[in-house]
Amino acid sequence: MSRVKRGVTKHARHKKILKAAKGYSGSSSRNYKWAKEAVMHAWSYAYRHRRERKGEFRRLW
């Protein structure tokens, strides 16, 4: 059985994260390790705040 080489998949995944981290300051926009951490925090905050925003709009009325 031949082994699976993940070069293309890995490159695409890295590119996706670095694209999402564009505009972040310092290493967070250039270094995959730090970019991934920053993007994961950003996405989790975005998810949480999308739900908070719904409650804020309900409180307005």
Protein backbone atom coordinates (compact mmCIF):
# COMPACT_ATOMS: atom_id res chain seq x y z
CA MET A 1 0.00 0.00 0.00
CA SER A 2 1.37 3.41 -0.94
CA ARG A 3 1.73 6.11 1.64
CA VAL A 4 -0.24 9.35 1.55
CA LYS A 5 1.76 12.52 1.01
CA ARG A 6 -0.02 15.61 2.27
CA GLY A 7 1.97 18.36 0.58
CA VAL A 8 -0.87 19.85 -1.47
CA THR A 9 -3.46 19.48 1.31
CA LYS A 10 -1.14 21.00 3.91
CA HIS A 11 -0.24 23.92 1.64
CA ALA A 12 -3.92 24.66 0.97
CA ARG A 13 -4.75 24.53 4.68
CA HIS A 14 -1.87 26.86 5.56
CA LYS A 15 -2.86 29.23 2.78
CA LYS A 16 -6.46 29.36 4.05
CA ILE A 17 -5.36 30.24 7.60
CA LEU A 18 -2.80 32.83 6.47
CA LYS A 19 -5.40 34.44 4.19
CA ALA A 20 -7.82 34.67 7.14
CA ALA A 21 -5.04 36.21 9.28
CA LYS A 22 -4.26 38.93 6.72
CA GLY A 23 -4.04 42.31 8.46
CA TYR A 24 -3.11 40.88 11.86
CA SER A 25 -0.08 42.49 13.49
CA GLY A 26 3.37 40.94 13.87
CA SER A 27 3.93 37.19 13.51
CA SER A 28 0.20 36.55 13.64
CA SER A 29 -0.09 37.35 9.95
CA ARG A 30 3.11 35.65 8.72
CA ASN A 31 3.85 32.64 10.93
CA TYR A 32 1.41 29.73 10.47
CA LYS A 33 1.65 28.60 14.10
CA TRP A 34 0.69 32.00 15.52
CA ALA A 35 -1.72 32.82 12.71
CA LYS A 36 -3.67 29.63 13.41
CA GLU A 37 -3.98 30.49 17.10
CA ALA A 38 -5.08 34.07 16.34
CA VAL A 39 -7.60 32.97 13.71
CA MET A 40 -9.10 30.29 15.97
CA HIS A 41 -9.60 32.87 18.74
CA ALA A 42 -11.04 35.34 16.23
CA TRP A 43 -13.48 32.78 14.83
CA SER A 44 -14.63 31.68 18.28
CA TYR A 45 -15.17 35.31 19.34
CA ALA A 46 -17.05 35.99 16.09
CA TYR A 47 -19.30 32.97 16.67
CA ARG A 48 -20.03 34.02 20.25
CA HIS A 49 -20.68 37.66 19.39
CA ARG A 50 -23.00 36.82 16.50
CA ARG A 51 -25.24 35.20 19.09
CA GLU A 52 -24.82 38.10 21.54
CA ARG A 53 -25.79 40.57 18.84
CA LYS A 54 -29.17 38.85 18.40
CA GLY A 55 -29.89 39.42 22.11
CA GLU A 56 -28.80 43.05 21.88
CA PHE A 57 -31.24 43.68 19.05
CA ARG A 58 -34.03 42.00 21.02
CA ARG A 59 -33.34 44.31 23.98
CA LEU A 60 -33.68 47.37 21.76
CA TRP A 61 -37.36 46.75 21.02
